Structure formats: C-alpha cells, structure tokens
PDB file of N, CA and C in Angstrom:
ATOM      1  N   UNK A   1       0.825  -1.189   0.000  1.00  0.00           N
ATOM      2  CA  UNK A   1       0.000   0.000   0.000  1.00  0.00           C
ATOM      3  C   UNK A   1       0.873   1.259   0.000  1.00  0.00           C
ATOM      4  N   UNK A   2       2.055   1.138  -0.532  1.00  0.00           N
ATOM      5  CA  UNK A   2       2.957   2.284  -0.600  1.00  0.00           C
ATOM      6  C   UNK A   2       2.560   3.280  -1.690  1.00  0.00           C
ATOM      7  N   UNK A   3       1.920   2.798  -2.734  1.00  0.00           N
ATOM      8  CA  UNK A   3       1.559   3.619  -3.871  1.00  0.00           C
ATOM      9  C   UNK A   3       0.208   4.289  -3.604  1.00  0.00           C
ATOM     10  N   UNK A   4       0.189   5.620  -3.609  1.00  0.00           N
ATOM     11  CA  UNK A   4      -1.029   6.353  -3.253  1.00  0.00           C
ATOM     12  C   UNK A   4      -2.199   6.034  -4.180  1.00  0.00           C
ATOM     13  N   UNK A   5      -1.970   5.920  -5.478  1.00  0.00           N
ATOM     14  CA  UNK A   5      -3.088   5.620  -6.380  1.00  0.00           C
ATOM     15  C   UNK A   5      -3.614   4.208  -6.135  1.00  0.00           C
ATOM     16  N   UNK A   6      -2.728   3.268  -5.832  1.00  0.00           N
ATOM     17  CA  UNK A   6      -3.158   1.908  -5.492  1.00  0.00           C
ATOM     18  C   UNK A   6      -4.015   1.933  -4.227  1.00  0.00           C
ATOM     19  N   UNK A   7      -3.556   2.673  -3.225  1.00  0.00           N
ATOM     20  CA  UNK A   7      -4.290   2.768  -1.960  1.00  0.00           C
ATOM     21  C   UNK A   7      -5.664   3.379  -2.175  1.00  0.00           C
ATOM     22  N   UNK A   8      -5.739   4.435  -2.972  1.00  0.00           N
ATOM     23  CA  UNK A   8      -7.034   5.065  -3.265  1.00  0.00           C
ATOM     24  C   UNK A   8      -7.989   4.084  -3.942  1.00  0.00           C
ATOM     25  N   UNK A   9      -7.501   3.305  -4.913  1.00  0.00           N
ATOM     26  CA  UNK A   9      -8.349   2.318  -5.583  1.00  0.00           C
ATOM     27  C   UNK A   9      -8.793   1.226  -4.613  1.00  0.00           C
ATOM     28  N   UNK A  10      -7.883   0.796  -3.738  1.00  0.00           N
ATOM     29  CA  UNK A  10      -8.220  -0.251  -2.775  1.00  0.00           C
ATOM     30  C   UNK A  10      -9.315   0.220  -1.823  1.00  0.00           C
ATOM     31  N   UNK A  11      -9.195   1.438  -1.322  1.00  0.00           N
ATOM     32  CA  UNK A  11     -10.210   1.981  -0.408  1.00  0.00           C
ATOM     33  C   UNK A  11     -11.543   2.133  -1.136  1.00  0.00           C
ATOM     34  N   UNK A  12     -11.500   2.577  -2.370  1.00  0.00           N
ATOM     35  CA  UNK A  12     -12.725   2.708  -3.162  1.00  0.00           C
ATOM     36  C   UNK A  12     -13.408   1.356  -3.329  1.00  0.00           C
ATOM     37  N   UNK A  13     -12.633   0.317  -3.610  1.00  0.00           N
ATOM     38  CA  UNK A  13     -13.198  -1.027  -3.754  1.00  0.00           C
ATOM     39  C   UNK A  13     -13.792  -1.509  -2.439  1.00  0.00           C
ATOM     40  N   UNK A  14     -13.114  -1.251  -1.327  1.00  0.00           N
ATOM     41  CA  UNK A  14     -13.644  -1.681  -0.034  1.00  0.00           C
ATOM     42  C   UNK A  14     -14.970  -0.993   0.268  1.00  0.00           C
ATOM     43  N   UNK A  15     -15.097   0.272  -0.079  1.00  0.00           N
ATOM     44  CA  UNK A  15     -16.370   0.981   0.103  1.00  0.00           C
ATOM     45  C   UNK A  15     -17.465   0.359  -0.759  1.00  0.00           C
ATOM     46  N   UNK A  16     -17.124   0.016  -2.005  1.00  0.00           N
ATOM     47  CA  UNK A  16     -18.090  -0.626  -2.896  1.00  0.00           C
ATOM     48  C   UNK A  16     -18.513  -1.978  -2.341  1.00  0.00           C
ATOM     49  N   UNK A  17     -17.552  -2.771  -1.897  1.00  0.00           N
ATOM     50  CA  UNK A  17     -17.868  -4.068  -1.304  1.00  0.00           C
ATOM     51  C   UNK A  17     -18.817  -3.899  -0.119  1.00  0.00           C
ATOM     52  N   UNK A  18     -18.485  -2.968   0.769  1.00  0.00           N
ATOM     53  CA  UNK A  18     -19.294  -2.751   1.963  1.00  0.00           C
ATOM     54  C   UNK A  18     -20.719  -2.330   1.596  1.00  0.00           C
ATOM     55  N   UNK A  19     -20.848  -1.480   0.599  1.00  0.00           N
ATOM     56  CA  UNK A  19     -22.192  -1.039   0.200  1.00  0.00           C
ATOM     57  C   UNK A  19     -23.009  -2.184  -0.384  1.00  0.00           C
ATOM     58  N   UNK A  20     -22.347  -3.254  -0.788  1.00  0.00           N
ATOM     59  CA  UNK A  20     -23.028  -4.435  -1.325  1.00  0.00           C
ATOM     60  C   UNK A  20     -23.055  -5.595  -0.341  1.00  0.00           C
ATOM     61  N   UNK A  21     -22.811  -5.304   0.936  1.00  0.00           N
ATOM     62  CA  UNK A  21     -22.942  -6.313   1.975  1.00  0.00           C
ATOM     63  C   UNK A  21     -21.726  -7.204   2.172  1.00  0.00           C
ATOM     64  N   UNK A  22     -20.627  -6.881   1.535  1.00  0.00           N
ATOM     65  CA  UNK A  22     -19.389  -7.647   1.730  1.00  0.00           C
ATOM     66  C   UNK A  22     -18.531  -6.860   2.707  1.00  0.00           C
ATOM     67  N   UNK A  23     -18.470  -7.355   3.933  1.00  0.00           N
ATOM     68  CA  UNK A  23     -17.889  -6.591   5.031  1.00  0.00           C
ATOM     69  C   UNK A  23     -16.520  -7.153   5.410  1.00  0.00           C
ATOM     70  N   UNK A  24     -15.466  -6.318   5.304  1.00  0.00           N
ATOM     71  CA  UNK A  24     -14.142  -6.788   5.720  1.00  0.00           C
ATOM     72  C   UNK A  24     -14.156  -7.288   7.170  1.00  0.00           C
ATOM     73  N   UNK A  25     -13.573  -8.446   7.377  1.00  0.00           N
ATOM     74  CA  UNK A  25     -13.529  -9.037   8.709  1.00  0.00           C
ATOM     75  C   UNK A  25     -14.729  -9.901   9.034  1.00  0.00           C
ATOM     76  N   UNK A  26     -15.798  -9.775   8.251  1.00  0.00           N
ATOM     77  CA  UNK A  26     -16.996 -10.582   8.465  1.00  0.00           C
ATOM     78  C   UNK A  26     -17.095 -11.643   7.372  1.00  0.00           C
ATOM     79  N   UNK A  27     -17.289 -11.199   6.136  1.00  0.00           N
ATOM     80  CA  UNK A  27     -17.367 -12.139   5.020  1.00  0.00           C
ATOM     81  C   UNK A  27     -16.368 -11.798   3.908  1.00  0.00           C
ATOM     82  N   UNK A  28     -15.330 -11.058   4.291  1.00  0.00           N
ATOM     83  CA  UNK A  28     -14.211 -10.760   3.402  1.00  0.00           C
ATOM     84  C   UNK A  28     -12.932 -10.753   4.239  1.00  0.00           C
ATOM     85  N   UNK A  29     -12.025 -11.621   3.895  1.00  0.00           N
ATOM     86  CA  UNK A  29     -10.742 -11.678   4.593  1.00  0.00           C
ATOM     87  C   UNK A  29      -9.769 -10.782   3.844  1.00  0.00           C
ATOM     88  N   UNK A  30      -9.133  -9.871   4.561  1.00  0.00           N
ATOM     89  CA  UNK A  30      -8.179  -8.960   3.945  1.00  0.00           C
ATOM     90  C   UNK A  30      -6.828  -9.066   4.627  1.00  0.00           C
ATOM     91  N   UNK A  31      -5.817  -8.665   3.904  1.00  0.00           N
ATOM     92  CA  UNK A  31      -4.478  -8.537   4.470  1.00  0.00           C
ATOM     93  C   UNK A  31      -3.839  -7.310   3.828  1.00  0.00           C
ATOM     94  N   UNK A  32      -2.848  -6.785   4.484  1.00  0.00           N
ATOM     95  CA  UNK A  32      -2.206  -5.567   4.009  1.00  0.00           C
ATOM     96  C   UNK A  32      -0.704  -5.700   4.164  1.00  0.00           C
ATOM     97  N   UNK A  33       0.006  -5.017   3.283  1.00  0.00           N
ATOM     98  CA  UNK A  33       1.449  -4.980   3.412  1.00  0.00           C
ATOM     99  C   UNK A  33       1.990  -3.732   2.735  1.00  0.00           C
ATOM    100  N   UNK A  34       3.180  -3.358   3.127  1.00  0.00           N
ATOM    101  CA  UNK A  34       3.928  -2.292   2.473  1.00  0.00           C
ATOM    102  C   UNK A  34       5.328  -2.819   2.223  1.00  0.00           C
ATOM    103  N   UNK A  35       6.104  -2.029   1.512  1.00  0.00           N
ATOM    104  CA  UNK A  35       7.484  -2.428   1.246  1.00  0.00           C
ATOM    105  C   UNK A  35       8.248  -2.641   2.560  1.00  0.00           C
ATOM    106  N   UNK A  36       7.997  -1.781   3.531  1.00  0.00           N
ATOM    107  CA  UNK A  36       8.700  -1.874   4.816  1.00  0.00           C
ATOM    108  C   UNK A  36       8.042  -2.831   5.801  1.00  0.00           C
ATOM    109  N   UNK A  37       6.819  -3.229   5.530  1.00  0.00           N
ATOM    110  CA  UNK A  37       6.076  -4.144   6.404  1.00  0.00           C
ATOM    111  C   UNK A  37       5.404  -5.218   5.554  1.00  0.00           C
ATOM    112  N   UNK A  38       6.184  -6.171   5.054  1.00  0.00           N
ATOM    113  CA  UNK A  38       5.616  -7.202   4.173  1.00  0.00           C
ATOM    114  C   UNK A  38       4.708  -8.168   4.929  1.00  0.00           C
ATOM    115  N   UNK A  39       3.823  -8.790   4.194  1.00  0.00           N
ATOM    116  CA  UNK A  39       2.967  -9.827   4.743  1.00  0.00           C
ATOM    117  C   UNK A  39       3.837 -11.041   5.054  1.00  0.00           C
ATOM    118  N   UNK A  40       3.731 -11.569   6.252  1.00  0.00           N
ATOM    119  CA  UNK A  40       4.578 -12.685   6.664  1.00  0.00           C
ATOM    120  C   UNK A  40       3.771 -13.977   6.747  1.00  0.00           C
ATOM    121  N   UNK A  41       4.473 -15.079   6.707  1.00  0.00           N
ATOM    122  CA  UNK A  41       3.820 -16.380   6.882  1.00  0.00           C
ATOM    123  C   UNK A  41       3.161 -16.463   8.254  1.00  0.00           C
ATOM    124  N   UNK A  42       3.767 -15.873   9.255  1.00  0.00           N
ATOM    125  CA  UNK A  42       3.181 -15.886  10.596  1.00  0.00           C
ATOM    126  C   UNK A  42       1.809 -15.204  10.579  1.00  0.00           C
ATOM    127  N   UNK A  43       1.705 -14.080   9.908  1.00  0.00           N
ATOM    128  CA  UNK A  43       0.418 -13.384   9.819  1.00  0.00           C
ATOM    129  C   UNK A  43      -0.594 -14.211   9.048  1.00  0.00           C
ATOM    130  N   UNK A  44      -0.178 -14.789   7.940  1.00  0.00           N
ATOM    131  CA  UNK A  44      -1.077 -15.637   7.142  1.00  0.00           C
ATOM    132  C   UNK A  44      -1.578 -16.809   7.976  1.00  0.00           C
ATOM    133  N   UNK A  45      -0.684 -17.449   8.709  1.00  0.00           N
ATOM    134  CA  UNK A  45      -1.084 -18.571   9.558  1.00  0.00           C
ATOM    135  C   UNK A  45      -2.070 -18.140  10.624  1.00  0.00           C
ATOM    136  N   UNK A  46      -1.873 -16.970  11.216  1.00  0.00           N
ATOM    137  CA  UNK A  46      -2.808 -16.468  12.228  1.00  0.00           C
ATOM    138  C   UNK A  46      -4.178 -16.174  11.623  1.00  0.00           C
ATOM    139  N   UNK A  47      -4.196 -15.623  10.419  1.00  0.00           N
ATOM    140  CA  UNK A  47      -5.464 -15.359   9.736  1.00  0.00           C
ATOM    141  C   UNK A  47      -6.195 -16.668   9.468  1.00  0.00           C
ATOM    142  N   UNK A  48      -5.486 -17.659   8.941  1.00  0.00           N
ATOM    143  CA  UNK A  48      -6.090 -18.963   8.670  1.00  0.00           C
ATOM    144  C   UNK A  48      -6.623 -19.579   9.954  1.00  0.00           C
ATOM    145  N   UNK A  49      -5.822 -19.543  11.000  1.00  0.00           N
ATOM    146  CA  UNK A  49      -6.254 -20.108  12.283  1.00  0.00           C
ATOM    147  C   UNK A  49      -7.511 -19.409  12.786  1.00  0.00           C
ATOM    148  N   UNK A  50      -7.539 -18.092  12.729  1.00  0.00           N
ATOM    149  CA  UNK A  50      -8.667 -17.333  13.245  1.00  0.00           C
ATOM    150  C   UNK A  50      -9.954 -17.632  12.479  1.00  0.00           C
ATOM    151  N   UNK A  51      -9.884 -17.613  11.149  1.00  0.00           N
ATOM    152  CA  UNK A  51     -11.091 -17.757  10.342  1.00  0.00           C
ATOM    153  C   UNK A  51     -11.510 -19.200  10.078  1.00  0.00           C
ATOM    154  N   UNK A  52     -10.548 -20.130  10.076  1.00  0.00           N
ATOM    155  CA  UNK A  52     -10.877 -21.490   9.628  1.00  0.00           C
ATOM    156  C   UNK A  52     -10.651 -22.594  10.649  1.00  0.00           C
ATOM    157  N   UNK A  53      -9.849 -22.369  11.666  1.00  0.00           N
ATOM    158  CA  UNK A  53      -9.498 -23.463  12.558  1.00  0.00           C
ATOM    159  C   UNK A  53     -10.054 -23.329  13.966  1.00  0.00           C
ATOM    160  N   UNK A  54     -10.748 -22.253  14.268  1.00  0.00           N
ATOM    161  CA  UNK A  54     -11.372 -22.098  15.574  1.00  0.00           C
ATOM    162  C   UNK A  54     -12.746 -22.750  15.561  1.00  0.00           C
ATOM    163  N   UNK A  55     -13.155 -23.247  16.701  1.00  0.00           N
ATOM    164  CA  UNK A  55     -14.480 -23.891  16.813  1.00  0.00           C
ATOM    165  C   UNK A  55     -15.567 -22.863  16.868  1.00  0.00           C
TER     166      UNK A  55
END
C-alpha cells in the first residue's frame, strides 16, 4: 500500500464491497502490506487459524 493511487483504488473497492454487503472481517478476509512491512507467513497462519481453525 505504498503507492497512493493503489491505496485510493483499494479503499474505493472496499467501500463498494461494503455497500453491497461484503464486510471486511466478516465475510471478506483482507491482508495488508507495504514495502517496509511485508505480509509474513506468521500473519497468514494467524489469519487462517482465526477464520478457519477455531471452533
């Protein structure tokens, strides 16, 4: 999300999704990264555990 135009498009899409009932964290899994803060396997594993492996 380092690129401002990319970030603007991403936020616009999230607003569109939300207006159509697709809610981040509820029925849309999202992740974020920047050049200085890349997405890690540890984060991916935690997301999978939270959404798919909990009772």
